[in-house]
């Protein structure tokens, strides 16, 4: 059975974007980006909310050849393009990327079936969609990259009003002060 993994880059105070909707402070350096590529490599399917998809679809046309001299970015683009994408949106009618389908409602039963049938792990991106999956008991792991900045307000990475017990699986500290934390959901 595939795992459903919620990955997020967040400020130390737990926001994925600040009060102005900006997340430029979260741009990973080369070391963190290469690590994130390795986290994404085993993912076969990405589940996205509309806003997260609209951010990530940049990678659909990002170069994956030697045209741009940035091996880390090219690697991520190739990883992203090779994965399937499911976008949950009530407003989108057509995907802007290959290997992508639009779903208009989040169905926990369909996600359970996907987990049972998938050969590779599944990621869920976007805090609103992840909150639905967390509340439905579907998320198996959290992978958080905490950036050494406090933004004070914004869009939280994790939902309010939800209590979960977590077991630490891994941790890593990067030269730029970013910290990676990996948790299994449940004791």
C-alpha atoms as a PDB file:
ATOM      1  CA  UNK A   1       0.000   0.000   0.000  1.00  0.00           C
ATOM      2  CA  UNK A   2       1.295   3.455  -0.902  1.00  0.00           C
ATOM      3  CA  UNK A   3       1.772   6.125   1.741  1.00  0.00           C
ATOM      4  CA  UNK A   4       0.079   9.508   1.552  1.00  0.00           C
ATOM      5  CA  UNK A   5       2.662  12.135   2.469  1.00  0.00           C
ATOM      6  CA  UNK A   6       2.015  15.786   3.276  1.00  0.00           C
ATOM      7  CA  UNK A   7       5.101  17.845   2.486  1.00  0.00           C
ATOM      8  CA  UNK A   8       5.390  21.561   3.158  1.00  0.00           C
ATOM      9  CA  UNK A   9       7.965  24.301   3.372  1.00  0.00           C
ATOM     10  CA  UNK A  10       6.992  26.564   6.263  1.00  0.00           C
ATOM     11  CA  UNK A  11       8.293  29.413   8.381  1.00  0.00           C
ATOM     12  CA  UNK A  12       9.415  28.546  11.881  1.00  0.00           C
ATOM     13  CA  UNK A  13       6.081  29.865  13.164  1.00  0.00           C
ATOM     14  CA  UNK A  14       4.222  27.480  10.849  1.00  0.00           C
ATOM     15  CA  UNK A  15       3.114  29.468   7.797  1.00  0.00           C
ATOM     16  CA  UNK A  16       3.499  28.473   4.137  1.00  0.00           C
ATOM     17  CA  UNK A  17       2.955  32.070   3.035  1.00  0.00           C
ATOM     18  CA  UNK A  18       2.982  35.364   4.911  1.00  0.00           C
ATOM     19  CA  UNK A  19       0.068  37.758   5.478  1.00  0.00           C
ATOM     20  CA  UNK A  20       0.677  39.328   2.044  1.00  0.00           C
ATOM     21  CA  UNK A  21       0.512  35.940   0.312  1.00  0.00           C
ATOM     22  CA  UNK A  22       4.254  35.927  -0.336  1.00  0.00           C
ATOM     23  CA  UNK A  23       6.472  32.882   0.068  1.00  0.00           C
ATOM     24  CA  UNK A  24       9.692  34.247  -1.466  1.00  0.00           C
ATOM     25  CA  UNK A  25      11.347  33.748   1.930  1.00  0.00           C
ATOM     26  CA  UNK A  26      10.839  29.981   1.466  1.00  0.00           C
ATOM     27  CA  UNK A  27      12.931  29.598  -1.714  1.00  0.00           C
ATOM     28  CA  UNK A  28      15.334  26.734  -1.012  1.00  0.00           C
ATOM     29  CA  UNK A  29      19.043  27.053  -1.595  1.00  0.00           C
ATOM     30  CA  UNK A  30      20.873  24.399  -3.650  1.00  0.00           C
ATOM     31  CA  UNK A  31      21.443  22.044  -0.708  1.00  0.00           C
ATOM     32  CA  UNK A  32      17.814  22.108   0.432  1.00  0.00           C
ATOM     33  CA  UNK A  33      16.481  21.952  -3.140  1.00  0.00           C
ATOM     34  CA  UNK A  34      18.572  18.855  -3.924  1.00  0.00           C
ATOM     35  CA  UNK A  35      17.275  17.234  -0.729  1.00  0.00           C
ATOM     36  CA  UNK A  36      13.671  18.120  -1.687  1.00  0.00           C
ATOM     37  CA  UNK A  37      14.266  16.533  -5.105  1.00  0.00           C
ATOM     38  CA  UNK A  38      15.232  13.297  -3.362  1.00  0.00           C
ATOM     39  CA  UNK A  39      12.041  13.472  -1.262  1.00  0.00           C
ATOM     40  CA  UNK A  40       9.956  13.881  -4.426  1.00  0.00           C
ATOM     41  CA  UNK A  41      11.723  11.205  -6.476  1.00  0.00           C
ATOM     42  CA  UNK A  42       9.671   8.231  -5.105  1.00  0.00           C
ATOM     43  CA  UNK A  43       6.319  10.047  -5.534  1.00  0.00           C
ATOM     44  CA  UNK A  44       4.100   8.623  -8.266  1.00  0.00           C
ATOM     45  CA  UNK A  45       1.092  10.928  -7.844  1.00  0.00           C
ATOM     46  CA  UNK A  46       0.680  14.470  -6.514  1.00  0.00           C
ATOM     47  CA  UNK A  47      -2.674  15.601  -5.099  1.00  0.00           C
ATOM     48  CA  UNK A  48      -3.069  19.381  -5.271  1.00  0.00           C
ATOM     49  CA  UNK A  49      -5.568  22.061  -4.476  1.00  0.00           C
ATOM     50  CA  UNK A  50      -6.043  24.625  -7.239  1.00  0.00           C
ATOM     51  CA  UNK A  51      -3.727  27.290  -5.833  1.00  0.00           C
ATOM     52  CA  UNK A  52      -0.893  24.858  -5.157  1.00  0.00           C
ATOM     53  CA  UNK A  53      -1.301  23.390  -8.635  1.00  0.00           C
ATOM     54  CA  UNK A  54      -1.183  26.844 -10.212  1.00  0.00           C
ATOM     55  CA  UNK A  55       2.102  27.444  -8.378  1.00  0.00           C
ATOM     56  CA  UNK A  56       3.590  24.072  -9.267  1.00  0.00           C
ATOM     57  CA  UNK A  57       2.532  23.990 -12.945  1.00  0.00           C
ATOM     58  CA  UNK A  58       5.560  26.204 -13.650  1.00  0.00           C
ATOM     59  CA  UNK A  59       7.557  22.963 -13.652  1.00  0.00           C
ATOM     60  CA  UNK A  60       5.565  21.632 -16.622  1.00  0.00           C
ATOM     61  CA  UNK A  61       7.478  23.882 -19.020  1.00  0.00           C
ATOM     62  CA  UNK A  62      10.667  24.339 -17.006  1.00  0.00           C
ATOM     63  CA  UNK A  63      13.662  23.040 -18.936  1.00  0.00           C
ATOM     64  CA  UNK A  64      14.746  19.463 -18.297  1.00  0.00           C
ATOM     65  CA  UNK A  65      17.725  19.407 -20.647  1.00  0.00           C
ATOM     66  CA  UNK A  66      21.105  21.101 -20.684  1.00  0.00           C
ATOM     67  CA  UNK A  67      19.511  24.294 -22.033  1.00  0.00           C
ATOM     68  CA  UNK A  68      19.671  25.853 -18.581  1.00  0.00           C
ATOM     69  CA  UNK A  69      22.802  25.318 -16.532  1.00  0.00           C
ATOM     70  CA  UNK A  70      21.019  24.374 -13.327  1.00  0.00           C
ATOM     71  CA  UNK A  71      21.052  20.635 -12.764  1.00  0.00           C
ATOM     72  CA  UNK A  72      19.026  20.784  -9.519  1.00  0.00           C
ATOM     73  CA  UNK A  73      16.137  22.705 -11.128  1.00  0.00           C
ATOM     74  CA  UNK A  74      16.237  20.511 -14.233  1.00  0.00           C
ATOM     75  CA  UNK A  75      16.142  17.425 -12.031  1.00  0.00           C
ATOM     76  CA  UNK A  76      13.078  18.685 -10.150  1.00  0.00           C
ATOM     77  CA  UNK A  77      11.306  19.577 -13.400  1.00  0.00           C
ATOM     78  CA  UNK A  78      11.881  16.064 -14.744  1.00  0.00           C
ATOM     79  CA  UNK A  79      10.667  14.481 -11.485  1.00  0.00           C
ATOM     80  CA  UNK A  80       7.534  16.647 -11.460  1.00  0.00           C
ATOM     81  CA  UNK A  81       6.727  16.073 -15.122  1.00  0.00           C
ATOM     82  CA  UNK A  82       7.049  12.282 -14.732  1.00  0.00           C
ATOM     83  CA  UNK A  83       4.481  12.099 -11.905  1.00  0.00           C
ATOM     84  CA  UNK A  84       0.701  11.971 -12.213  1.00  0.00           C
ATOM     85  CA  UNK A  85      -1.233  14.935 -10.836  1.00  0.00           C
ATOM     86  CA  UNK A  86      -4.777  15.128  -9.464  1.00  0.00           C
ATOM     87  CA  UNK A  87      -6.092  18.655  -8.953  1.00  0.00           C
ATOM     88  CA  UNK A  88      -9.087  19.300  -6.703  1.00  0.00           C
ATOM     89  CA  UNK A  89     -10.900  22.387  -7.922  1.00  0.00           C
ATOM     90  CA  UNK A  90     -14.452  23.552  -8.396  1.00  0.00           C
ATOM     91  CA  UNK A  91     -13.345  26.195 -10.917  1.00  0.00           C
ATOM     92  CA  UNK A  92     -10.754  24.531 -13.174  1.00  0.00           C
ATOM     93  CA  UNK A  93     -12.125  22.604 -16.132  1.00  0.00           C
ATOM     94  CA  UNK A  94      -8.938  21.699 -18.031  1.00  0.00           C
ATOM     95  CA  UNK A  95      -5.473  20.902 -16.721  1.00  0.00           C
ATOM     96  CA  UNK A  96      -2.486  22.997 -17.800  1.00  0.00           C
ATOM     97  CA  UNK A  97      -0.102  20.036 -17.640  1.00  0.00           C
ATOM     98  CA  UNK A  98       0.260  16.507 -18.931  1.00  0.00           C
ATOM     99  CA  UNK A  99      -0.534  13.503 -16.730  1.00  0.00           C
ATOM    100  CA  UNK A 100      -3.117  15.611 -14.882  1.00  0.00           C
ATOM    101  CA  UNK A 101      -6.786  15.193 -14.155  1.00  0.00           C
ATOM    102  CA  UNK A 102      -9.254  17.526 -12.452  1.00  0.00           C
ATOM    103  CA  UNK A 103     -11.540  16.343  -9.654  1.00  0.00           C
ATOM    104  CA  UNK A 104     -14.286  18.653  -8.433  1.00  0.00           C
ATOM    105  CA  UNK A 105     -14.719  17.105  -4.986  1.00  0.00           C
ATOM    106  CA  UNK A 106     -12.377  15.538  -2.479  1.00  0.00           C
ATOM    107  CA  UNK A 107     -13.517  11.966  -1.872  1.00  0.00           C
ATOM    108  CA  UNK A 108     -11.738  10.199   1.023  1.00  0.00           C
ATOM    109  CA  UNK A 109     -12.904   6.816  -0.270  1.00  0.00           C
ATOM    110  CA  UNK A 110     -11.284   7.433  -3.649  1.00  0.00           C
ATOM    111  CA  UNK A 111      -8.037   8.398  -1.908  1.00  0.00           C
ATOM    112  CA  UNK A 112      -8.129   5.184   0.125  1.00  0.00           C
ATOM    113  CA  UNK A 113      -8.560   3.213  -3.101  1.00  0.00           C
ATOM    114  CA  UNK A 114      -5.715   5.127  -4.727  1.00  0.00           C
ATOM    115  CA  UNK A 115      -3.444   4.330  -1.762  1.00  0.00           C
ATOM    116  CA  UNK A 116      -4.356   0.637  -2.004  1.00  0.00           C
ATOM    117  CA  UNK A 117      -3.717   0.417  -5.744  1.00  0.00           C
ATOM    118  CA  UNK A 118      -0.742   2.766  -6.202  1.00  0.00           C
ATOM    119  CA  UNK A 119       2.688   1.271  -6.740  1.00  0.00           C
ATOM    120  CA  UNK A 120       4.453   4.455  -5.626  1.00  0.00           C
ATOM    121  CA  UNK A 121       3.830   6.879  -2.762  1.00  0.00           C
ATOM    122  CA  UNK A 122       1.411   9.793  -3.098  1.00  0.00           C
ATOM    123  CA  UNK A 123       2.002  13.371  -1.981  1.00  0.00           C
ATOM    124  CA  UNK A 124      -0.606  15.913  -1.016  1.00  0.00           C
ATOM    125  CA  UNK A 125       0.149  19.591  -1.484  1.00  0.00           C
ATOM    126  CA  UNK A 126      -1.600  22.667  -0.217  1.00  0.00           C
ATOM    127  CA  UNK A 127      -2.697  23.168   3.374  1.00  0.00           C
ATOM    128  CA  UNK A 128      -6.462  23.237   2.755  1.00  0.00           C
ATOM    129  CA  UNK A 129      -6.447  19.957   0.848  1.00  0.00           C
ATOM    130  CA  UNK A 130      -3.993  18.432   3.326  1.00  0.00           C
ATOM    131  CA  UNK A 131      -6.285  19.500   6.186  1.00  0.00           C
ATOM    132  CA  UNK A 132      -9.138  17.518   4.628  1.00  0.00           C
ATOM    133  CA  UNK A 133      -6.911  14.463   4.263  1.00  0.00           C
ATOM    134  CA  UNK A 134      -5.529  14.829   7.794  1.00  0.00           C
ATOM    135  CA  UNK A 135      -9.033  15.100   9.240  1.00  0.00           C
ATOM    136  CA  UNK A 136     -10.102  12.024   7.256  1.00  0.00           C
ATOM    137  CA  UNK A 137      -7.186  10.035   8.696  1.00  0.00           C
ATOM    138  CA  UNK A 138      -5.597   9.503   5.272  1.00  0.00           C
ATOM    139  CA  UNK A 139      -2.155  11.059   5.795  1.00  0.00           C
ATOM    140  CA  UNK A 140       0.572   8.603   6.786  1.00  0.00           C
ATOM    141  CA  UNK A 141       3.540  10.982   7.006  1.00  0.00           C
ATOM    142  CA  UNK A 142       4.396  14.637   7.417  1.00  0.00           C
ATOM    143  CA  UNK A 143       7.567  16.011   5.819  1.00  0.00           C
ATOM    144  CA  UNK A 144       8.219  19.564   6.949  1.00  0.00           C
ATOM    145  CA  UNK A 145      11.033  21.858   5.902  1.00  0.00           C
ATOM    146  CA  UNK A 146      11.130  24.681   8.448  1.00  0.00           C
ATOM    147  CA  UNK A 147      12.800  27.856   7.199  1.00  0.00           C
ATOM    148  CA  UNK A 148      14.602  30.075   9.738  1.00  0.00           C
ATOM    149  CA  UNK A 149      12.202  32.999   9.484  1.00  0.00           C
ATOM    150  CA  UNK A 150       9.204  34.136  11.524  1.00  0.00           C
ATOM    151  CA  UNK A 151       6.549  35.816   9.388  1.00  0.00           C
ATOM    152  CA  UNK A 152       4.000  36.504  12.153  1.00  0.00           C
ATOM    153  CA  UNK A 153       0.840  35.652  10.206  1.00  0.00           C
ATOM    154  CA  UNK A 154      -0.363  34.148   6.966  1.00  0.00           C
ATOM    155  CA  UNK A 155      -1.607  30.792   5.718  1.00  0.00           C
ATOM    156  CA  UNK A 156      -0.849  28.045   8.255  1.00  0.00           C
ATOM    157  CA  UNK A 157       0.789  24.819   7.085  1.00  0.00           C
ATOM    158  CA  UNK A 158      -1.233  22.750   9.549  1.00  0.00           C
ATOM    159  CA  UNK A 159      -4.940  23.019  10.387  1.00  0.00           C
ATOM    160  CA  UNK A 160      -6.302  24.434  13.617  1.00  0.00           C
ATOM    161  CA  UNK A 161      -8.418  22.216  15.824  1.00  0.00           C
ATOM    162  CA  UNK A 162      -6.782  18.935  14.843  1.00  0.00           C
ATOM    163  CA  UNK A 163      -4.917  16.800  17.340  1.00  0.00           C
ATOM    164  CA  UNK A 164      -2.614  14.050  16.068  1.00  0.00           C
ATOM    165  CA  UNK A 165       0.051  11.981  17.722  1.00  0.00           C
ATOM    166  CA  UNK A 166       3.249  11.843  15.686  1.00  0.00           C
ATOM    167  CA  UNK A 167       6.352   9.660  15.779  1.00  0.00           C
ATOM    168  CA  UNK A 168       9.625  11.235  14.648  1.00  0.00           C
ATOM    169  CA  UNK A 169      11.157   9.249  11.768  1.00  0.00           C
ATOM    170  CA  UNK A 170      13.957  11.538  10.617  1.00  0.00           C
ATOM    171  CA  UNK A 171      15.487  14.969  11.012  1.00  0.00           C
ATOM    172  CA  UNK A 172      18.155  16.961   9.246  1.00  0.00           C
ATOM    173  CA  UNK A 173      19.763  20.335   9.684  1.00  0.00           C
ATOM    174  CA  UNK A 174      20.996  22.339   6.676  1.00  0.00           C
ATOM    175  CA  UNK A 175      23.770  24.929   6.483  1.00  0.00           C
ATOM    176  CA  UNK A 176      21.271  27.739   5.790  1.00  0.00           C
ATOM    177  CA  UNK A 177      19.405  26.994   9.051  1.00  0.00           C
ATOM    178  CA  UNK A 178      16.514  25.100   7.464  1.00  0.00           C
ATOM    179  CA  UNK A 179      15.453  22.021   9.421  1.00  0.00           C
ATOM    180  CA  UNK A 180      13.755  18.933   7.981  1.00  0.00           C
ATOM    181  CA  UNK A 181      11.383  16.930  10.171  1.00  0.00           C
ATOM    182  CA  UNK A 182       9.706  13.703   9.088  1.00  0.00           C
ATOM    183  CA  UNK A 183       6.906  12.243  11.196  1.00  0.00           C
ATOM    184  CA  UNK A 184       4.715   9.184  10.937  1.00  0.00           C
ATOM    185  CA  UNK A 185       1.106   9.924  11.857  1.00  0.00           C
ATOM    186  CA  UNK A 186       0.123   7.869  14.871  1.00  0.00           C
ATOM    187  CA  UNK A 187       2.074   6.541  17.812  1.00  0.00           C
END
